[in-house]
Amino acid sequence: MLEESLSGPELSYIVLTDGHNFIPLAPTRDHKRVFDHDRGPNTGGMGAYSSDSLLWPELEAQIEQTIVRPALEGLAKESRPYCGFLYFGLMLTAAGPKVLEFNCRLGDPETQRF
């Protein structure tokens, strides 16, 4: 199986949901490399940061409309509404946000905010 090669910054988008409605948490990005400009080895969870510059309103609306809502609706349609924290690991590509992974928990290191 071939996979699409994606490039762009990653974004952690976490929502709290009752299975139908949701409230987004502040978007975060985890530190990937020891040094700036992607130099050095991968840290494997050194921590995360959040900034208003990570996500602008139009991009957040696109993520909610094309990723979050369809995921929640799909689970509900299968009689499996999910209640709790739902983590979306995203890649922000030139073609729009792409899903790298889903997790049914708070992300680590995304919750290691100071």
PDB file of N, CA and C in Angstrom:
ATOM      1  N   MET A   1       0.836  -1.165   0.000  1.00  0.00           N
ATOM      2  CA  MET A   1       0.000   0.000   0.000  1.00  0.00           C
ATOM      3  C   MET A   1       0.889   1.239   0.000  1.00  0.00           C
ATOM      4  N   LEU A   2       0.588   2.173  -0.845  1.00  0.00           N
ATOM      5  CA  LEU A   2       1.305   3.441  -0.901  1.00  0.00           C
ATOM      6  C   LEU A   2       0.563   4.492  -0.100  1.00  0.00           C
ATOM      7  N   GLU A   3       1.317   5.352   0.545  1.00  0.00           N
ATOM      8  CA  GLU A   3       0.724   6.443   1.290  1.00  0.00           C
ATOM      9  C   GLU A   3       1.142   7.762   0.672  1.00  0.00           C
ATOM     10  N   GLU A   4       0.308   8.762   0.842  1.00  0.00           N
ATOM     11  CA  GLU A   4       0.604  10.094   0.342  1.00  0.00           C
ATOM     12  C   GLU A   4       1.707  10.724   1.186  1.00  0.00           C
ATOM     13  N   SER A   5       2.688  11.310   0.540  1.00  0.00           N
ATOM     14  CA  SER A   5       3.748  12.030   1.240  1.00  0.00           C
ATOM     15  C   SER A   5       3.239  13.431   1.557  1.00  0.00           C
ATOM     16  N   LEU A   6       3.255  13.796   2.826  1.00  0.00           N
ATOM     17  CA  LEU A   6       2.720  15.080   3.252  1.00  0.00           C
ATOM     18  C   LEU A   6       3.839  15.970   3.780  1.00  0.00           C
ATOM     19  N   SER A   7       3.726  17.245   3.507  1.00  0.00           N
ATOM     20  CA  SER A   7       4.677  18.187   4.096  1.00  0.00           C
ATOM     21  C   SER A   7       3.917  19.402   4.588  1.00  0.00           C
ATOM     22  N   GLY A   8       4.419  19.950   5.660  1.00  0.00           N
ATOM     23  CA  GLY A   8       3.800  21.104   6.290  1.00  0.00           C
ATOM     24  C   GLY A   8       3.909  20.967   7.783  1.00  0.00           C
ATOM     25  N   PRO A   9       3.501  21.976   8.513  1.00  0.00           N
ATOM     26  CA  PRO A   9       3.567  21.893   9.967  1.00  0.00           C
ATOM     27  C   PRO A   9       2.472  20.983  10.531  1.00  0.00           C
ATOM     28  N   GLU A  10       2.787  20.313  11.619  1.00  0.00           N
ATOM     29  CA  GLU A  10       1.796  19.491  12.309  1.00  0.00           C
ATOM     30  C   GLU A  10       1.013  20.356  13.283  1.00  0.00           C
ATOM     31  N   LEU A  11      -0.192  19.902  13.606  1.00  0.00           N
ATOM     32  CA  LEU A  11      -1.035  20.605  14.565  1.00  0.00           C
ATOM     33  C   LEU A  11      -1.804  19.576  15.377  1.00  0.00           C
ATOM     34  N   SER A  12      -1.831  19.759  16.679  1.00  0.00           N
ATOM     35  CA  SER A  12      -2.645  18.916  17.556  1.00  0.00           C
ATOM     36  C   SER A  12      -3.933  19.668  17.850  1.00  0.00           C
ATOM     37  N   TYR A  13      -5.061  19.056  17.492  1.00  0.00           N
ATOM     38  CA  TYR A  13      -6.374  19.675  17.682  1.00  0.00           C
ATOM     39  C   TYR A  13      -7.193  18.723  18.533  1.00  0.00           C
ATOM     40  N   ILE A  14      -7.543  19.155  19.732  1.00  0.00           N
ATOM     41  CA  ILE A  14      -8.245  18.304  20.685  1.00  0.00           C
ATOM     42  C   ILE A  14      -9.609  18.924  20.974  1.00  0.00           C
ATOM     43  N   VAL A  15     -10.640  18.078  20.988  1.00  0.00           N
ATOM     44  CA  VAL A  15     -11.979  18.546  21.339  1.00  0.00           C
ATOM     45  C   VAL A  15     -12.511  17.719  22.504  1.00  0.00           C
ATOM     46  N   LEU A  16     -13.402  18.323  23.261  1.00  0.00           N
ATOM     47  CA  LEU A  16     -14.170  17.630  24.283  1.00  0.00           C
ATOM     48  C   LEU A  16     -15.575  17.493  23.716  1.00  0.00           C
ATOM     49  N   THR A  17     -16.079  16.262  23.669  1.00  0.00           N
ATOM     50  CA  THR A  17     -17.363  16.029  23.006  1.00  0.00           C
ATOM     51  C   THR A  17     -18.300  15.165  23.842  1.00  0.00           C
ATOM     52  N   ASP A  18     -19.590  15.397  23.640  1.00  0.00           N
ATOM     53  CA  ASP A  18     -20.617  14.544  24.244  1.00  0.00           C
ATOM     54  C   ASP A  18     -21.122  13.519  23.230  1.00  0.00           C
ATOM     55  N   GLY A  19     -20.458  13.441  22.096  1.00  0.00           N
ATOM     56  CA  GLY A  19     -20.861  12.521  21.038  1.00  0.00           C
ATOM     57  C   GLY A  19     -21.537  13.226  19.877  1.00  0.00           C
ATOM     58  N   HIS A  20     -22.003  14.443  20.105  1.00  0.00           N
ATOM     59  CA  HIS A  20     -22.666  15.214  19.054  1.00  0.00           C
ATOM     60  C   HIS A  20     -22.119  16.643  18.988  1.00  0.00           C
ATOM     61  N   ASN A  21     -22.052  17.301  20.124  1.00  0.00           N
ATOM     62  CA  ASN A  21     -21.514  18.655  20.225  1.00  0.00           C
ATOM     63  C   ASN A  21     -20.063  18.565  20.670  1.00  0.00           C
ATOM     64  N   PHE A  22     -19.312  19.644  20.444  1.00  0.00           N
ATOM     65  CA  PHE A  22     -17.920  19.627  20.886  1.00  0.00           C
ATOM     66  C   PHE A  22     -17.439  21.025  21.228  1.00  0.00           C
ATOM     67  N   ILE A  23     -16.434  21.062  22.058  1.00  0.00           N
ATOM     68  CA  ILE A  23     -15.745  22.297  22.433  1.00  0.00           C
ATOM     69  C   ILE A  23     -14.267  22.067  22.149  1.00  0.00           C
ATOM     70  N   PRO A  24     -13.657  22.898  21.299  1.00  0.00           N
ATOM     71  CA  PRO A  24     -12.233  22.718  21.016  1.00  0.00           C
ATOM     72  C   PRO A  24     -11.357  23.276  22.134  1.00  0.00           C
ATOM     73  N   LEU A  25     -10.239  22.617  22.375  1.00  0.00           N
ATOM     74  CA  LEU A  25      -9.228  23.133  23.274  1.00  0.00           C
ATOM     75  C   LEU A  25      -8.252  23.970  22.459  1.00  0.00           C
ATOM     76  N   ALA A  26      -7.364  24.672  23.117  1.00  0.00           N
ATOM     77  CA  ALA A  26      -6.375  25.477  22.407  1.00  0.00           C
ATOM     78  C   ALA A  26      -5.508  24.570  21.539  1.00  0.00           C
ATOM     79  N   PRO A  27      -5.269  24.936  20.284  1.00  0.00           N
ATOM     80  CA  PRO A  27      -4.422  24.119  19.418  1.00  0.00           C
ATOM     81  C   PRO A  27      -2.981  24.151  19.924  1.00  0.00           C
ATOM     82  N   THR A  28      -2.283  23.055  19.717  1.00  0.00           N
ATOM     83  CA  THR A  28      -0.897  22.959  20.165  1.00  0.00           C
ATOM     84  C   THR A  28      -0.032  22.318  19.091  1.00  0.00           C
ATOM     85  N   ARG A  29       1.240  22.437  19.289  1.00  0.00           N
ATOM     86  CA  ARG A  29       2.221  21.769  18.424  1.00  0.00           C
ATOM     87  C   ARG A  29       3.309  21.242  19.344  1.00  0.00           C
ATOM     88  N   ASP A  30       3.656  19.974  19.187  1.00  0.00           N
ATOM     89  CA  ASP A  30       4.705  19.439  20.048  1.00  0.00           C
ATOM     90  C   ASP A  30       6.073  19.682  19.435  1.00  0.00           C
ATOM     91  N   HIS A  31       7.064  19.710  20.300  1.00  0.00           N
ATOM     92  CA  HIS A  31       8.451  19.889  19.842  1.00  0.00           C
ATOM     93  C   HIS A  31       8.914  18.577  19.228  1.00  0.00           C
ATOM     94  N   LYS A  32       9.397  18.639  18.008  1.00  0.00           N
ATOM     95  CA  LYS A  32       9.838  17.422  17.327  1.00  0.00           C
ATOM     96  C   LYS A  32      11.343  17.192  17.443  1.00  0.00           C
ATOM     97  N   ARG A  33      12.114  18.230  17.256  1.00  0.00           N
ATOM     98  CA  ARG A  33      13.570  18.093  17.225  1.00  0.00           C
ATOM     99  C   ARG A  33      14.211  18.853  18.377  1.00  0.00           C
ATOM    100  N   VAL A  34      15.367  18.420  18.783  1.00  0.00           N
ATOM    101  CA  VAL A  34      16.077  19.045  19.895  1.00  0.00           C
ATOM    102  C   VAL A  34      16.412  20.502  19.596  1.00  0.00           C
ATOM    103  N   PHE A  35      16.817  20.799  18.364  1.00  0.00           N
ATOM    104  CA  PHE A  35      17.259  22.142  18.021  1.00  0.00           C
ATOM    105  C   PHE A  35      16.296  22.817  17.051  1.00  0.00           C
ATOM    106  N   ASP A  36      16.358  24.137  16.964  1.00  0.00           N
ATOM    107  CA  ASP A  36      15.535  24.901  16.028  1.00  0.00           C
ATOM    108  C   ASP A  36      15.793  24.471  14.592  1.00  0.00           C
ATOM    109  N   HIS A  37      14.831  24.770  13.725  1.00  0.00           N
ATOM    110  CA  HIS A  37      14.925  24.504  12.278  1.00  0.00           C
ATOM    111  C   HIS A  37      15.071  23.012  11.984  1.00  0.00           C
ATOM    112  N   ASP A  38      14.389  22.177  12.771  1.00  0.00           N
ATOM    113  CA  ASP A  38      14.366  20.718  12.571  1.00  0.00           C
ATOM    114  C   ASP A  38      15.750  20.081  12.588  1.00  0.00           C
ATOM    115  N   ARG A  39      16.639  20.597  13.397  1.00  0.00           N
ATOM    116  CA  ARG A  39      17.968  19.998  13.535  1.00  0.00           C
ATOM    117  C   ARG A  39      18.013  19.165  14.809  1.00  0.00           C
ATOM    118  N   GLY A  40      18.747  18.095  14.783  1.00  0.00           N
ATOM    119  CA  GLY A  40      18.905  17.245  15.953  1.00  0.00           C
ATOM    120  C   GLY A  40      17.922  16.099  15.955  1.00  0.00           C
ATOM    121  N   PRO A  41      18.086  15.186  16.908  1.00  0.00           N
ATOM    122  CA  PRO A  41      17.216  14.007  16.967  1.00  0.00           C
ATOM    123  C   PRO A  41      15.807  14.346  17.438  1.00  0.00           C
ATOM    124  N   ASN A  42      14.865  13.471  17.123  1.00  0.00           N
ATOM    125  CA  ASN A  42      13.485  13.616  17.563  1.00  0.00           C
ATOM    126  C   ASN A  42      13.436  13.446  19.074  1.00  0.00           C
ATOM    127  N   THR A  43      12.688  14.313  19.734  1.00  0.00           N
ATOM    128  CA  THR A  43      12.645  14.291  21.196  1.00  0.00           C
ATOM    129  C   THR A  43      11.701  13.237  21.759  1.00  0.00           C
ATOM    130  N   GLY A  44      10.698  12.839  21.000  1.00  0.00           N
ATOM    131  CA  GLY A  44       9.755  11.840  21.493  1.00  0.00           C
ATOM    132  C   GLY A  44       8.881  12.327  22.640  1.00  0.00           C
ATOM    133  N   GLY A  45       8.602  13.611  22.690  1.00  0.00           N
ATOM    134  CA  GLY A  45       7.679  14.113  23.700  1.00  0.00           C
ATOM    135  C   GLY A  45       8.299  15.067  24.691  1.00  0.00           C
ATOM    136  N   MET A  46       9.058  16.017  24.221  1.00  0.00           N
ATOM    137  CA  MET A  46       9.746  16.973  25.090  1.00  0.00           C
ATOM    138  C   MET A  46       8.782  18.011  25.669  1.00  0.00           C
ATOM    139  N   GLY A  47       7.667  18.219  25.041  1.00  0.00           N
ATOM    140  CA  GLY A  47       6.722  19.228  25.483  1.00  0.00           C
ATOM    141  C   GLY A  47       5.990  19.810  24.298  1.00  0.00           C
ATOM    142  N   ALA A  48       5.129  20.752  24.556  1.00  0.00           N
ATOM    143  CA  ALA A  48       4.332  21.343  23.491  1.00  0.00           C
ATOM    144  C   ALA A  48       4.171  22.835  23.754  1.00  0.00           C
ATOM    145  N   TYR A  49       3.736  23.535  22.719  1.00  0.00           N
ATOM    146  CA  TYR A  49       3.463  24.958  22.871  1.00  0.00           C
ATOM    147  C   TYR A  49       2.190  25.307  22.138  1.00  0.00           C
ATOM    148  N   SER A  50       1.605  26.421  22.537  1.00  0.00           N
ATOM    149  CA  SER A  50       0.395  26.904  21.909  1.00  0.00           C
ATOM    150  C   SER A  50       0.563  28.388  21.622  1.00  0.00           C
ATOM    151  N   SER A  51       0.017  28.818  20.505  1.00  0.00           N
ATOM    152  CA  SER A  51       0.100  30.217  20.110  1.00  0.00           C
ATOM    153  C   SER A  51      -1.082  30.526  19.204  1.00  0.00           C
ATOM    154  N   ASP A  52      -1.549  31.761  19.260  1.00  0.00           N
ATOM    155  CA  ASP A  52      -2.629  32.173  18.366  1.00  0.00           C
ATOM    156  C   ASP A  52      -2.231  32.039  16.903  1.00  0.00           C
ATOM    157  N   SER A  53      -0.939  32.074  16.617  1.00  0.00           N
ATOM    158  CA  SER A  53      -0.488  31.982  15.231  1.00  0.00           C
ATOM    159  C   SER A  53      -0.588  30.569  14.664  1.00  0.00           C
ATOM    160  N   LEU A  54      -0.838  29.559  15.492  1.00  0.00           N
ATOM    161  CA  LEU A  54      -0.938  28.183  15.004  1.00  0.00           C
ATOM    162  C   LEU A  54      -2.199  27.944  14.189  1.00  0.00           C
ATOM    163  N   LEU A  55      -3.264  28.680  14.492  1.00  0.00           N
ATOM    164  CA  LEU A  55      -4.557  28.390  13.885  1.00  0.00           C
ATOM    165  C   LEU A  55      -5.373  29.674  13.752  1.00  0.00           C
ATOM    166  N   TRP A  56      -5.682  30.031  12.526  1.00  0.00           N
ATOM    167  CA  TRP A  56      -6.494  31.210  12.279  1.00  0.00           C
ATOM    168  C   TRP A  56      -7.946  30.767  12.080  1.00  0.00           C
ATOM    169  N   PRO A  57      -8.923  31.675  12.245  1.00  0.00           N
ATOM    170  CA  PRO A  57     -10.347  31.298  12.248  1.00  0.00           C
ATOM    171  C   PRO A  57     -10.810  30.519  11.018  1.00  0.00           C
ATOM    172  N   GLU A  58     -10.359  30.894   9.827  1.00  0.00           N
ATOM    173  CA  GLU A  58     -10.802  30.194   8.613  1.00  0.00           C
ATOM    174  C   GLU A  58     -10.306  28.748   8.593  1.00  0.00           C
ATOM    175  N   LEU A  59      -9.080  28.534   9.039  1.00  0.00           N
ATOM    176  CA  LEU A  59      -8.533  27.174   9.078  1.00  0.00           C
ATOM    177  C   LEU A  59      -9.242  26.344  10.140  1.00  0.00           C
ATOM    178  N   GLU A  60      -9.537  26.950  11.281  1.00  0.00           N
ATOM    179  CA  GLU A  60     -10.255  26.215  12.317  1.00  0.00           C
ATOM    180  C   GLU A  60     -11.647  25.816  11.829  1.00  0.00           C
ATOM    181  N   ALA A  61     -12.327  26.704  11.131  1.00  0.00           N
ATOM    182  CA  ALA A  61     -13.647  26.375  10.579  1.00  0.00           C
ATOM    183  C   ALA A  61     -13.543  25.219   9.591  1.00  0.00           C
ATOM    184  N   GLN A  62     -12.499  25.213   8.766  1.00  0.00           N
ATOM    185  CA  GLN A  62     -12.300  24.126   7.803  1.00  0.00           C
ATOM    186  C   GLN A  62     -12.046  22.802   8.523  1.00  0.00           C
ATOM    187  N   ILE A  63     -11.237  22.812   9.564  1.00  0.00           N
ATOM    188  CA  ILE A  63     -10.957  21.598  10.340  1.00  0.00           C
ATOM    189  C   ILE A  63     -12.235  21.069  10.975  1.00  0.00           C
ATOM    190  N   GLU A  64     -13.032  21.966  11.544  1.00  0.00           N
ATOM    191  CA  GLU A  64     -14.269  21.534  12.184  1.00  0.00           C
ATOM    192  C   GLU A  64     -15.265  20.976  11.173  1.00  0.00           C
ATOM    193  N   GLN A  65     -15.389  21.614  10.002  1.00  0.00           N
ATOM    194  CA  GLN A  65     -16.373  21.202   8.998  1.00  0.00           C
ATOM    195  C   GLN A  65     -15.959  19.948   8.236  1.00  0.00           C
ATOM    196  N   THR A  66     -14.662  19.791   7.959  1.00  0.00           N
ATOM    197  CA  THR A  66     -14.237  18.676   7.103  1.00  0.00           C
ATOM    198  C   THR A  66     -13.637  17.497   7.857  1.00  0.00           C
ATOM    199  N   ILE A  67     -13.321  17.691   9.141  1.00  0.00           N
ATOM    200  CA  ILE A  67     -12.682  16.605   9.894  1.00  0.00           C
ATOM    201  C   ILE A  67     -13.457  16.274  11.167  1.00  0.00           C
ATOM    202  N   VAL A  68     -13.631  17.260  12.060  1.00  0.00           N
ATOM    203  CA  VAL A  68     -14.230  16.987  13.364  1.00  0.00           C
ATOM    204  C   VAL A  68     -15.691  16.568  13.239  1.00  0.00           C
ATOM    205  N   ARG A  69     -16.510  17.395  12.599  1.00  0.00           N
ATOM    206  CA  ARG A  69     -17.940  17.067  12.487  1.00  0.00           C
ATOM    207  C   ARG A  69     -18.180  15.748  11.746  1.00  0.00           C
ATOM    208  N   PRO A  70     -17.519  15.486  10.596  1.00  0.00           N
ATOM    209  CA  PRO A  70     -17.731  14.193   9.943  1.00  0.00           C
ATOM    210  C   PRO A  70     -17.315  12.995  10.812  1.00  0.00           C
ATOM    211  N   ALA A  71     -16.259  13.143  11.598  1.00  0.00           N
ATOM    212  CA  ALA A  71     -15.840  12.049  12.477  1.00  0.00           C
ATOM    213  C   ALA A  71     -16.900  11.773  13.538  1.00  0.00           C
ATOM    214  N   LEU A  72     -17.402  12.829  14.184  1.00  0.00           N
ATOM    215  CA  LEU A  72     -18.431  12.650  15.207  1.00  0.00           C
ATOM    216  C   LEU A  72     -19.727  12.113  14.616  1.00  0.00           C
ATOM    217  N   GLU A  73     -20.109  12.630  13.452  1.00  0.00           N
ATOM    218  CA  GLU A  73     -21.326  12.153  12.793  1.00  0.00           C
ATOM    219  C   GLU A  73     -21.196  10.692  12.373  1.00  0.00           C
ATOM    220  N   GLY A  74     -20.014  10.306  11.896  1.00  0.00           N
ATOM    221  CA  GLY A  74     -19.792   8.918  11.499  1.00  0.00           C
ATOM    222  C   GLY A  74     -19.892   7.964  12.680  1.00  0.00           C
ATOM    223  N   LEU A  75     -19.319   8.338  13.804  1.00  0.00           N
ATOM    224  CA  LEU A  75     -19.417   7.508  15.003  1.00  0.00           C
ATOM    225  C   LEU A  75     -20.863   7.399  15.477  1.00  0.00           C
ATOM    226  N   ALA A  76     -21.581   8.525  15.477  1.00  0.00           N
ATOM    227  CA  ALA A  76     -22.990   8.508  15.907  1.00  0.00           C
ATOM    228  C   ALA A  76     -23.844   7.669  14.966  1.00  0.00           C
ATOM    229  N   LYS A  77     -23.569   7.759  13.666  1.00  0.00           N
ATOM    230  CA  LYS A  77     -24.327   6.992  12.671  1.00  0.00           C
ATOM    231  C   LYS A  77     -24.152   5.489  12.875  1.00  0.00           C
ATOM    232  N   GLU A  78     -22.985   5.097  13.359  1.00  0.00           N
ATOM    233  CA  GLU A  78     -22.714   3.684  13.645  1.00  0.00           C
ATOM    234  C   GLU A  78     -23.158   3.291  15.049  1.00  0.00           C
ATOM    235  N   SER A  79     -23.956   4.147  15.686  1.00  0.00           N
ATOM    236  CA  SER A  79     -24.429   3.927  17.062  1.00  0.00           C
ATOM    237  C   SER A  79     -23.260   3.782  18.038  1.00  0.00           C
ATOM    238  N   ARG A  80     -22.206   4.554  17.799  1.00  0.00           N
ATOM    239  CA  ARG A  80     -21.026   4.556  18.654  1.00  0.00           C
ATOM    240  C   ARG A  80     -20.632   5.997  19.008  1.00  0.00           C
ATOM    241  N   PRO A  81     -21.571   6.792  19.512  1.00  0.00           N
ATOM    242  CA  PRO A  81     -21.183   8.167  19.837  1.00  0.00           C
ATOM    243  C   PRO A  81     -20.078   8.161  20.888  1.00  0.00           C
ATOM    244  N   TYR A  82     -19.076   8.963  20.654  1.00  0.00           N
ATOM    245  CA  TYR A  82     -17.927   9.001  21.557  1.00  0.00           C
ATOM    246  C   TYR A  82     -18.052  10.195  22.488  1.00  0.00           C
ATOM    247  N   CYS A  83     -17.907   9.966  23.782  1.00  0.00           N
ATOM    248  CA  CYS A  83     -17.933  11.024  24.786  1.00  0.00           C
ATOM    249  C   CYS A  83     -16.554  11.105  25.427  1.00  0.00           C
ATOM    250  N   GLY A  84     -15.986  12.286  25.413  1.00  0.00           N
ATOM    251  CA  GLY A  84     -14.684  12.470  26.034  1.00  0.00           C
ATOM    252  C   GLY A  84     -13.796  13.356  25.180  1.00  0.00           C
ATOM    253  N   PHE A  85     -12.499  13.188  25.372  1.00  0.00           N
ATOM    254  CA  PHE A  85     -11.529  13.958  24.595  1.00  0.00           C
ATOM    255  C   PHE A  85     -11.202  13.205  23.318  1.00  0.00           C
ATOM    256  N   LEU A  86     -11.218  13.895  22.205  1.00  0.00           N
ATOM    257  CA  LEU A  86     -10.858  13.307  20.918  1.00  0.00           C
ATOM    258  C   LEU A  86      -9.735  14.145  20.324  1.00  0.00           C
ATOM    259  N   TYR A  87      -8.618  13.487  20.083  1.00  0.00           N
ATOM    260  CA  TYR A  87      -7.405  14.138  19.601  1.00  0.00           C
ATOM    261  C   TYR A  87      -7.270  13.912  18.097  1.00  0.00           C
ATOM    262  N   PHE A  88      -7.041  14.985  17.360  1.00  0.00           N
ATOM    263  CA  PHE A  88      -6.803  14.913  15.926  1.00  0.00           C
ATOM    264  C   PHE A  88      -5.372  15.372  15.673  1.00  0.00           C
ATOM    265  N   GLY A  89      -4.535  14.478  15.227  1.00  0.00           N
ATOM    266  CA  GLY A  89      -3.180  14.838  14.824  1.00  0.00           C
ATOM    267  C   GLY A  89      -3.228  15.218  13.358  1.00  0.00           C
ATOM    268  N   LEU A  90      -2.943  16.465  13.039  1.00  0.00           N
ATOM    269  CA  LEU A  90      -3.120  16.977  11.684  1.00  0.00           C
ATOM    270  C   LEU A  90      -1.802  17.442  11.070  1.00  0.00           C
ATOM    271  N   MET A  91      -1.737  17.400   9.739  1.00  0.00           N
ATOM    272  CA  MET A  91      -0.658  18.010   8.971  1.00  0.00           C
ATOM    273  C   MET A  91      -1.308  19.116   8.153  1.00  0.00           C
ATOM    274  N   LEU A  92      -0.789  20.320   8.292  1.00  0.00           N
ATOM    275  CA  LEU A  92      -1.339  21.466   7.563  1.00  0.00           C
ATOM    276  C   LEU A  92      -0.602  21.592   6.238  1.00  0.00           C
ATOM    277  N   THR A  93      -1.149  20.985   5.198  1.00  0.00           N
ATOM    278  CA  THR A  93      -0.509  20.964   3.885  1.00  0.00           C
ATOM    279  C   THR A  93      -1.014  22.118   3.025  1.00  0.00           C
ATOM    280  N   ALA A  94      -0.372  22.324   1.899  1.00  0.00           N
ATOM    281  CA  ALA A  94      -0.808  23.352   0.951  1.00  0.00           C
ATOM    282  C   ALA A  94      -2.207  23.045   0.415  1.00  0.00           C
ATOM    283  N   ALA A  95      -2.598  21.767   0.409  1.00  0.00           N
ATOM    284  CA  ALA A  95      -3.917  21.359  -0.069  1.00  0.00           C
ATOM    285  C   ALA A  95      -4.970  21.359   1.045  1.00  0.00           C
ATOM    286  N   GLY A  96      -4.588  21.783   2.246  1.00  0.00           N
ATOM    287  CA  GLY A  96      -5.515  21.803   3.371  1.00  0.00           C
ATOM    288  C   GLY A  96      -5.084  20.836   4.453  1.00  0.00           C
ATOM    289  N   PRO A  97      -5.803  20.829   5.569  1.00  0.00           N
ATOM    290  CA  PRO A  97      -5.437  19.948   6.680  1.00  0.00           C
ATOM    291  C   PRO A  97      -5.690  18.479   6.340  1.00  0.00           C
ATOM    292  N   LYS A  98      -4.749  17.635   6.736  1.00  0.00           N
ATOM    293  CA  LYS A  98      -4.847  16.189   6.525  1.00  0.00           C
ATOM    294  C   LYS A  98      -4.710  15.496   7.874  1.00  0.00           C
ATOM    295  N   VAL A  99      -5.462  14.419   8.081  1.00  0.00           N
ATOM    296  CA  VAL A  99      -5.418  13.674   9.337  1.00  0.00           C
ATOM    297  C   VAL A  99      -4.254  12.698   9.321  1.00  0.00           C
ATOM    298  N   LEU A 100      -3.407  12.797  10.339  1.00  0.00           N
ATOM    299  CA  LEU A 100      -2.334  11.826  10.533  1.00  0.00           C
ATOM    300  C   LEU A 100      -2.779  10.724  11.482  1.00  0.00           C
ATOM    301  N   GLU A 101      -3.530  11.111  12.514  1.00  0.00           N
ATOM    302  CA  GLU A 101      -3.980  10.127  13.501  1.00  0.00           C
ATOM    303  C   GLU A 101      -5.129  10.683  14.332  1.00  0.00           C
ATOM    304  N   PHE A 102      -5.887   9.759  14.924  1.00  0.00           N
ATOM    305  CA  PHE A 102      -6.911  10.065  15.910  1.00  0.00           C
ATOM    306  C   PHE A 102      -6.499   9.363  17.201  1.00  0.00           C
ATOM    307  N   ASN A 103      -6.770   9.975  18.325  1.00  0.00           N
ATOM    308  CA  ASN A 103      -6.601   9.318  19.617  1.00  0.00           C
ATOM    309  C   ASN A 103      -7.798   9.654  20.484  1.00  0.00           C
ATOM    310  N   CYS A 104      -8.240   8.702  21.263  1.00  0.00           N
ATOM    311  CA  CYS A 104      -9.371   8.916  22.174  1.00  0.00           C
ATOM    312  C   CYS A 104      -8.848   9.219  23.562  1.00  0.00           C
ATOM    313  N   ARG A 105      -8.084  10.281  23.656  1.00  0.00           N
ATOM    314  CA  ARG A 105      -7.493  10.687  24.927  1.00  0.00           C
ATOM    315  C   ARG A 105      -6.861  12.054  24.742  1.00  0.00           C
ATOM    316  N   LEU A 106      -6.426  12.632  25.850  1.00  0.00           N
ATOM    317  CA  LEU A 106      -5.610  13.831  25.749  1.00  0.00           C
ATOM    318  C   LEU A 106      -4.251  13.416  25.226  1.00  0.00           C
ATOM    319  N   GLY A 107      -3.667  14.216  24.375  1.00  0.00           N
ATOM    320  CA  GLY A 107      -2.358  13.902  23.821  1.00  0.00           C
ATOM    321  C   GLY A 107      -1.246  14.179  24.806  1.00  0.00           C
ATOM    322  N   ASP A 108      -0.177  13.475  24.654  1.00  0.00           N
ATOM    323  CA  ASP A 108       1.034  13.737  25.420  1.00  0.00           C
ATOM    324  C   ASP A 108       2.129  13.902  24.396  1.00  0.00           C
ATOM    325  N   PRO A 109       2.752  15.021  24.242  1.00  0.00           N
ATOM    326  CA  PRO A 109       2.987  16.064  25.232  1.00  0.00           C
ATOM    327  C   PRO A 109       2.034  17.259  25.156  1.00  0.00           C
ATOM    328  N   GLU A 110       0.974  17.178  24.398  1.00  0.00           N
ATOM    329  CA  GLU A 110       0.102  18.342  24.218  1.00  0.00           C
ATOM    330  C   GLU A 110      -0.490  18.858  25.521  1.00  0.00           C
ATOM    331  N   THR A 111      -0.623  18.006  26.524  1.00  0.00           N
ATOM    332  CA  THR A 111      -1.198  18.435  27.804  1.00  0.00           C
ATOM    333  C   THR A 111      -0.132  18.903  28.791  1.00  0.00           C
ATOM    334  N   GLN A 112       1.115  18.934  28.384  1.00  0.00           N
ATOM    335  CA  GLN A 112       2.201  19.345  29.280  1.00  0.00           C
ATOM    336  C   GLN A 112       2.422  20.844  29.213  1.00  0.00           C
ATOM    337  N   ARG A 113       1.362  21.602  29.284  1.00  0.00           N
ATOM    338  CA  ARG A 113       1.472  23.065  29.208  1.00  0.00           C
ATOM    339  C   ARG A 113       1.847  23.617  30.571  1.00  0.00           C
ATOM    340  N   PHE A 114       2.610  24.672  30.555  1.00  0.00           N
ATOM    341  CA  PHE A 114       3.052  25.314  31.800  1.00  0.00           C
ATOM    342  C   PHE A 114       2.179  26.494  32.101  1.00  0.00           C
TER     343      PHE A 114
END
